[in-house]
Amino acid sequence: MSNRRVAILVPPENPGASADQADTFLQAREISECLTILGKEALTVSFGPDRDDTAALLRRYDPAVVVNLVEDVPEGAEHLHLATALLDRLGLRHTGAPTAALAALGDKRHVKAVLLEAHL
């Protein structure tokens, strides 16, 4: 990978976050430290309420890949795909599930129908 930059996408920091949510930021710090040891440049980016700011920052940074740690969005779990949709629109490769899978999982009725169809 000639581009040595990696972005780490996290949800907005919440001071009153649960232990599970706070762990996301610990993971981001650990990933950043490991990337630095490997000679990569790491930047942690918040997937905050102003998505235009997030997009502009990612465009300027131009990472080779984005480590997606967004597991919670203010709009609710059924909108979790918004983070990867933004990355897709920007043409950025990212870790984790693809947008279509996250969008499908956000629709509980659809998931139930697919599971029933598969006899699960």
N, C-alpha and C. Protein backbone atom coordinates (compact mmCIF):
# COMPACT_ATOMS: atom_id res chain seq x y z
N MET A 1 0.86 -1.16 0.00
CA MET A 1 0.00 0.00 0.00
C MET A 1 0.90 1.22 0.00
N SER A 2 0.89 1.97 -1.13
CA SER A 2 1.75 3.14 -1.22
C SER A 2 1.22 4.29 -0.37
N ASN A 3 -0.10 4.44 -0.28
CA ASN A 3 -0.70 5.44 0.59
C ASN A 3 -0.66 4.86 2.00
N ARG A 4 0.05 5.50 2.87
CA ARG A 4 0.26 4.97 4.22
C ARG A 4 -0.78 5.47 5.22
N ARG A 5 -1.78 6.20 4.73
CA ARG A 5 -2.78 6.78 5.63
C ARG A 5 -3.98 5.85 5.83
N VAL A 6 -4.38 5.75 7.09
CA VAL A 6 -5.56 4.96 7.46
C VAL A 6 -6.44 5.84 8.34
N ALA A 7 -7.70 5.93 8.00
CA ALA A 7 -8.65 6.67 8.84
C ALA A 7 -9.39 5.66 9.72
N ILE A 8 -9.67 6.07 10.93
CA ILE A 8 -10.44 5.26 11.87
C ILE A 8 -11.73 6.03 12.14
N LEU A 9 -12.85 5.49 11.66
CA LEU A 9 -14.14 6.18 11.79
C LEU A 9 -14.84 5.72 13.06
N VAL A 10 -15.18 6.69 13.91
CA VAL A 10 -15.83 6.40 15.19
C VAL A 10 -17.13 7.20 15.30
N PRO A 11 -18.04 6.77 16.18
CA PRO A 11 -19.25 7.58 16.40
C PRO A 11 -18.87 8.84 17.19
N PRO A 12 -19.78 9.80 17.30
CA PRO A 12 -19.49 10.97 18.13
C PRO A 12 -19.26 10.54 19.57
N GLU A 13 -18.30 11.17 20.22
CA GLU A 13 -18.01 10.81 21.61
C GLU A 13 -19.13 11.31 22.51
N ASN A 14 -19.55 10.45 23.43
CA ASN A 14 -20.64 10.76 24.35
C ASN A 14 -20.11 10.59 25.76
N PRO A 15 -19.98 11.69 26.53
CA PRO A 15 -19.42 11.59 27.89
C PRO A 15 -20.18 10.61 28.79
N GLY A 16 -21.47 10.44 28.57
CA GLY A 16 -22.26 9.54 29.40
C GLY A 16 -22.45 8.17 28.76
N ALA A 17 -21.52 7.80 27.88
CA ALA A 17 -21.65 6.55 27.12
C ALA A 17 -21.55 5.32 28.01
N SER A 18 -22.17 4.25 27.54
CA SER A 18 -22.06 2.97 28.24
C SER A 18 -20.64 2.45 28.10
N ALA A 19 -20.30 1.45 28.89
CA ALA A 19 -18.96 0.86 28.83
C ALA A 19 -18.68 0.31 27.43
N ASP A 20 -19.70 -0.28 26.82
CA ASP A 20 -19.56 -0.83 25.47
C ASP A 20 -19.23 0.26 24.47
N GLN A 21 -19.92 1.38 24.56
CA GLN A 21 -19.67 2.50 23.65
C GLN A 21 -18.30 3.12 23.92
N ALA A 22 -17.93 3.25 25.18
CA ALA A 22 -16.62 3.82 25.53
C ALA A 22 -15.50 2.93 25.02
N ASP A 23 -15.74 1.63 24.95
CA ASP A 23 -14.73 0.68 24.46
C ASP A 23 -14.36 0.96 23.01
N THR A 24 -15.29 1.51 22.24
CA THR A 24 -15.01 1.85 20.84
C THR A 24 -13.83 2.80 20.75
N PHE A 25 -13.76 3.77 21.65
CA PHE A 25 -12.68 4.75 21.62
C PHE A 25 -11.36 4.16 22.09
N LEU A 26 -11.43 3.21 23.00
CA LEU A 26 -10.23 2.47 23.39
C LEU A 26 -9.71 1.67 22.19
N GLN A 27 -10.61 1.01 21.48
CA GLN A 27 -10.23 0.27 20.28
C GLN A 27 -9.57 1.19 19.26
N ALA A 28 -10.15 2.37 19.07
CA ALA A 28 -9.60 3.33 18.09
C ALA A 28 -8.18 3.72 18.48
N ARG A 29 -7.95 3.99 19.76
CA ARG A 29 -6.59 4.36 20.21
C ARG A 29 -5.62 3.21 19.99
N GLU A 30 -6.05 1.99 20.32
CA GLU A 30 -5.17 0.83 20.15
C GLU A 30 -4.86 0.57 18.68
N ILE A 31 -5.84 0.70 17.82
CA ILE A 31 -5.63 0.52 16.39
C ILE A 31 -4.66 1.58 15.88
N SER A 32 -4.85 2.82 16.31
CA SER A 32 -3.97 3.91 15.90
C SER A 32 -2.53 3.64 16.33
N GLU A 33 -2.35 3.20 17.56
CA GLU A 33 -1.00 2.88 18.07
C GLU A 33 -0.36 1.76 17.25
N CYS A 34 -1.13 0.72 16.95
CA CYS A 34 -0.60 -0.40 16.16
C CYS A 34 -0.23 0.05 14.74
N LEU A 35 -1.06 0.89 14.14
CA LEU A 35 -0.77 1.38 12.80
C LEU A 35 0.51 2.22 12.80
N THR A 36 0.68 3.03 13.83
CA THR A 36 1.89 3.84 13.94
C THR A 36 3.13 2.95 14.04
N ILE A 37 3.04 1.90 14.82
CA ILE A 37 4.15 0.95 14.95
C ILE A 37 4.48 0.33 13.59
N LEU A 38 3.45 0.10 12.79
CA LEU A 38 3.63 -0.49 11.47
C LEU A 38 4.06 0.53 10.41
N GLY A 39 4.27 1.78 10.84
CA GLY A 39 4.72 2.81 9.92
C GLY A 39 3.61 3.47 9.12
N LYS A 40 2.39 3.33 9.57
CA LYS A 40 1.25 3.96 8.89
C LYS A 40 0.88 5.25 9.62
N GLU A 41 0.20 6.10 8.92
CA GLU A 41 -0.32 7.35 9.47
C GLU A 41 -1.78 7.11 9.79
N ALA A 42 -2.20 7.35 11.02
CA ALA A 42 -3.60 7.09 11.40
C ALA A 42 -4.27 8.38 11.84
N LEU A 43 -5.51 8.55 11.42
CA LEU A 43 -6.31 9.70 11.82
C LEU A 43 -7.68 9.19 12.26
N THR A 44 -8.09 9.57 13.46
CA THR A 44 -9.41 9.19 13.95
C THR A 44 -10.40 10.29 13.55
N VAL A 45 -11.49 9.88 12.92
CA VAL A 45 -12.50 10.79 12.39
C VAL A 45 -13.85 10.45 13.00
N SER A 46 -14.55 11.46 13.50
CA SER A 46 -15.86 11.25 14.09
C SER A 46 -16.95 11.29 13.01
N PHE A 47 -17.82 10.29 13.03
CA PHE A 47 -18.99 10.28 12.17
C PHE A 47 -20.08 11.03 12.92
N GLY A 48 -19.90 12.34 13.01
CA GLY A 48 -20.77 13.18 13.81
C GLY A 48 -22.00 13.64 13.07
N PRO A 49 -22.74 14.55 13.70
CA PRO A 49 -23.99 15.01 13.11
C PRO A 49 -23.78 15.80 11.81
N ASP A 50 -22.64 16.46 11.65
CA ASP A 50 -22.38 17.20 10.42
C ASP A 50 -21.60 16.30 9.46
N ARG A 51 -22.33 15.54 8.67
CA ARG A 51 -21.72 14.57 7.76
C ARG A 51 -20.90 15.23 6.67
N ASP A 52 -21.24 16.49 6.34
CA ASP A 52 -20.45 17.22 5.34
C ASP A 52 -19.04 17.46 5.86
N ASP A 53 -18.92 17.80 7.15
CA ASP A 53 -17.60 17.99 7.75
C ASP A 53 -16.81 16.68 7.74
N THR A 54 -17.49 15.58 8.08
CA THR A 54 -16.84 14.27 8.08
C THR A 54 -16.34 13.95 6.67
N ALA A 55 -17.18 14.16 5.67
CA ALA A 55 -16.81 13.88 4.28
C ALA A 55 -15.64 14.75 3.84
N ALA A 56 -15.67 16.03 4.19
CA ALA A 56 -14.58 16.94 3.79
C ALA A 56 -13.26 16.52 4.42
N LEU A 57 -13.29 16.14 5.68
CA LEU A 57 -12.08 15.70 6.36
C LEU A 57 -11.52 14.43 5.72
N LEU A 58 -12.40 13.48 5.43
CA LEU A 58 -11.96 12.24 4.79
C LEU A 58 -11.40 12.50 3.39
N ARG A 59 -12.03 13.40 2.65
CA ARG A 59 -11.52 13.73 1.31
C ARG A 59 -10.12 14.33 1.41
N ARG A 60 -9.94 15.27 2.34
CA ARG A 60 -8.62 15.91 2.51
C ARG A 60 -7.56 14.89 2.93
N TYR A 61 -7.92 14.01 3.83
CA TYR A 61 -6.96 13.04 4.36
C TYR A 61 -6.64 11.97 3.32
N ASP A 62 -7.61 11.62 2.50
CA ASP A 62 -7.44 10.65 1.41
C ASP A 62 -6.80 9.34 1.89
N PRO A 63 -7.47 8.63 2.81
CA PRO A 63 -6.88 7.40 3.34
C PRO A 63 -6.93 6.25 2.32
N ALA A 64 -6.01 5.32 2.47
CA ALA A 64 -6.02 4.11 1.64
C ALA A 64 -7.18 3.21 2.05
N VAL A 65 -7.52 3.25 3.32
CA VAL A 65 -8.62 2.43 3.85
C VAL A 65 -9.16 3.12 5.11
N VAL A 66 -10.42 2.83 5.41
CA VAL A 66 -11.06 3.35 6.62
C VAL A 66 -11.44 2.16 7.50
N VAL A 67 -11.00 2.20 8.75
CA VAL A 67 -11.41 1.19 9.73
C VAL A 67 -12.72 1.72 10.32
N ASN A 68 -13.82 1.03 10.03
CA ASN A 68 -15.13 1.49 10.46
C ASN A 68 -15.47 0.91 11.83
N LEU A 69 -15.47 1.78 12.84
CA LEU A 69 -15.85 1.37 14.19
C LEU A 69 -17.21 1.92 14.60
N VAL A 70 -17.95 2.46 13.65
CA VAL A 70 -19.26 3.03 13.96
C VAL A 70 -20.25 1.89 14.15
N GLU A 71 -20.71 1.75 15.39
CA GLU A 71 -21.69 0.71 15.73
C GLU A 71 -22.98 1.32 16.26
N ASP A 72 -23.01 2.65 16.27
CA ASP A 72 -24.18 3.34 16.81
C ASP A 72 -24.27 4.71 16.15
N VAL A 73 -25.45 5.07 15.69
CA VAL A 73 -25.66 6.40 15.11
C VAL A 73 -26.85 7.04 15.80
N PRO A 74 -26.87 8.37 15.90
CA PRO A 74 -27.97 9.04 16.60
C PRO A 74 -29.35 8.71 16.01
N GLU A 75 -29.41 8.41 14.71
CA GLU A 75 -30.69 8.11 14.07
C GLU A 75 -31.26 6.75 14.47
N GLY A 76 -30.46 5.92 15.11
CA GLY A 76 -30.90 4.60 15.54
C GLY A 76 -30.26 3.48 14.74
N ALA A 77 -30.34 2.28 15.26
CA ALA A 77 -29.67 1.11 14.67
C ALA A 77 -30.09 0.83 13.23
N GLU A 78 -31.34 1.15 12.89
CA GLU A 78 -31.81 0.88 11.53
C GLU A 78 -31.13 1.79 10.50
N HIS A 79 -30.37 2.77 10.98
CA HIS A 79 -29.66 3.69 10.08
C HIS A 79 -28.14 3.52 10.15
N LEU A 80 -27.69 2.40 10.66
CA LEU A 80 -26.27 2.15 10.81
C LEU A 80 -25.53 2.19 9.47
N HIS A 81 -26.24 1.88 8.42
CA HIS A 81 -25.64 1.87 7.08
C HIS A 81 -25.23 3.26 6.59
N LEU A 82 -25.65 4.32 7.28
CA LEU A 82 -25.31 5.68 6.84
C LEU A 82 -23.80 5.91 6.83
N ALA A 83 -23.09 5.31 7.77
CA ALA A 83 -21.64 5.49 7.82
C ALA A 83 -20.97 4.87 6.59
N THR A 84 -21.32 3.63 6.29
CA THR A 84 -20.69 2.98 5.13
C THR A 84 -21.19 3.58 3.82
N ALA A 85 -22.43 4.07 3.81
CA ALA A 85 -22.94 4.73 2.59
C ALA A 85 -22.11 5.97 2.27
N LEU A 86 -21.74 6.71 3.32
CA LEU A 86 -20.89 7.88 3.11
C LEU A 86 -19.53 7.46 2.54
N LEU A 87 -18.97 6.42 3.12
CA LEU A 87 -17.66 5.93 2.64
C LEU A 87 -17.76 5.45 1.20
N ASP A 88 -18.85 4.78 0.87
CA ASP A 88 -19.06 4.33 -0.51
C ASP A 88 -19.15 5.52 -1.46
N ARG A 89 -19.92 6.55 -1.07
CA ARG A 89 -20.06 7.74 -1.93
C ARG A 89 -18.71 8.41 -2.17
N LEU A 90 -17.84 8.35 -1.16
CA LEU A 90 -16.51 8.96 -1.29
C LEU A 90 -15.53 8.05 -2.02
N GLY A 91 -15.96 6.82 -2.31
CA GLY A 91 -15.08 5.87 -3.00
C GLY A 91 -13.97 5.34 -2.12
N LEU A 92 -14.24 5.28 -0.80
CA LEU A 92 -13.22 4.81 0.14
C LEU A 92 -13.45 3.35 0.53
N ARG A 93 -12.38 2.58 0.47
CA ARG A 93 -12.46 1.20 0.95
C ARG A 93 -12.58 1.23 2.46
N HIS A 94 -13.33 0.25 3.00
CA HIS A 94 -13.52 0.24 4.45
C HIS A 94 -13.67 -1.18 4.96
N THR A 95 -13.43 -1.32 6.26
CA THR A 95 -13.58 -2.61 6.92
C THR A 95 -15.03 -2.79 7.32
N GLY A 96 -15.38 -4.03 7.63
CA GLY A 96 -16.72 -4.33 8.13
C GLY A 96 -17.69 -4.71 7.03
N ALA A 97 -18.93 -4.79 7.42
CA ALA A 97 -20.00 -5.23 6.51
C ALA A 97 -20.26 -4.16 5.45
N PRO A 98 -20.67 -4.60 4.27
CA PRO A 98 -21.03 -3.62 3.22
C PRO A 98 -22.35 -2.92 3.53
N THR A 99 -22.56 -1.80 2.88
CA THR A 99 -23.73 -0.97 3.11
C THR A 99 -25.04 -1.74 2.93
N ALA A 100 -25.14 -2.52 1.86
CA ALA A 100 -26.38 -3.25 1.59
C ALA A 100 -26.72 -4.20 2.73
N ALA A 101 -25.72 -4.87 3.27
CA ALA A 101 -25.97 -5.80 4.38
C ALA A 101 -26.43 -5.05 5.63
N LEU A 102 -25.78 -3.93 5.93
CA LEU A 102 -26.18 -3.15 7.10
C LEU A 102 -27.58 -2.59 6.94
N ALA A 103 -27.91 -2.13 5.73
CA ALA A 103 -29.25 -1.60 5.49
C ALA A 103 -30.30 -2.70 5.63
N ALA A 104 -30.00 -3.87 5.11
CA ALA A 104 -30.94 -5.00 5.21
C ALA A 104 -31.15 -5.41 6.66
N LEU A 105 -30.08 -5.42 7.44
CA LEU A 105 -30.19 -5.81 8.84
C LEU A 105 -30.96 -4.78 9.66
N GLY A 106 -31.01 -3.56 9.20
CA GLY A 106 -31.74 -2.51 9.91
C GLY A 106 -33.25 -2.63 9.77
N ASP A 107 -33.70 -3.43 8.81
CA ASP A 107 -35.13 -3.62 8.57
C ASP A 107 -35.53 -4.96 9.20
N LYS A 108 -36.04 -4.90 10.43
CA LYS A 108 -36.33 -6.13 11.18
C LYS A 108 -37.34 -7.03 10.47
N ARG A 109 -38.35 -6.44 9.85
CA ARG A 109 -39.34 -7.26 9.14
C ARG A 109 -38.69 -8.01 7.98
N HIS A 110 -37.82 -7.35 7.27
CA HIS A 110 -37.12 -7.99 6.15
C HIS A 110 -36.23 -9.14 6.66
N VAL A 111 -35.50 -8.88 7.73
CA VAL A 111 -34.63 -9.92 8.29
C VAL A 111 -35.46 -11.13 8.73
N LYS A 112 -36.57 -10.89 9.41
CA LYS A 112 -37.42 -11.99 9.84
C LYS A 112 -37.95 -12.80 8.65
N ALA A 113 -38.34 -12.09 7.59
CA ALA A 113 -38.84 -12.78 6.39
C ALA A 113 -37.76 -13.64 5.74
N VAL A 114 -36.55 -13.11 5.68
CA VAL A 114 -35.43 -13.87 5.09
C VAL A 114 -35.11 -15.08 5.95
N LEU A 115 -35.12 -14.91 7.25
CA LEU A 115 -34.85 -16.05 8.15
C LEU A 115 -35.94 -17.12 8.04
N LEU A 116 -37.19 -16.69 7.96
CA LEU A 116 -38.29 -17.65 7.81
C LEU A 116 -38.17 -18.40 6.47
N GLU A 117 -37.83 -17.67 5.42
CA GLU A 117 -37.67 -18.28 4.10
C GLU A 117 -36.56 -19.32 4.10
N ALA A 118 -35.53 -19.07 4.93
CA ALA A 118 -34.41 -20.00 5.02
C ALA A 118 -34.67 -21.09 6.07
N HIS A 119 -35.88 -21.10 6.63
CA HIS A 119 -36.28 -22.06 7.66
C HIS A 119 -35.41 -21.98 8.91
N LEU A 120 -35.05 -20.77 9.25
CA LEU A 120 -34.25 -20.53 10.47
C LEU A 120 -35.09 -19.84 11.52
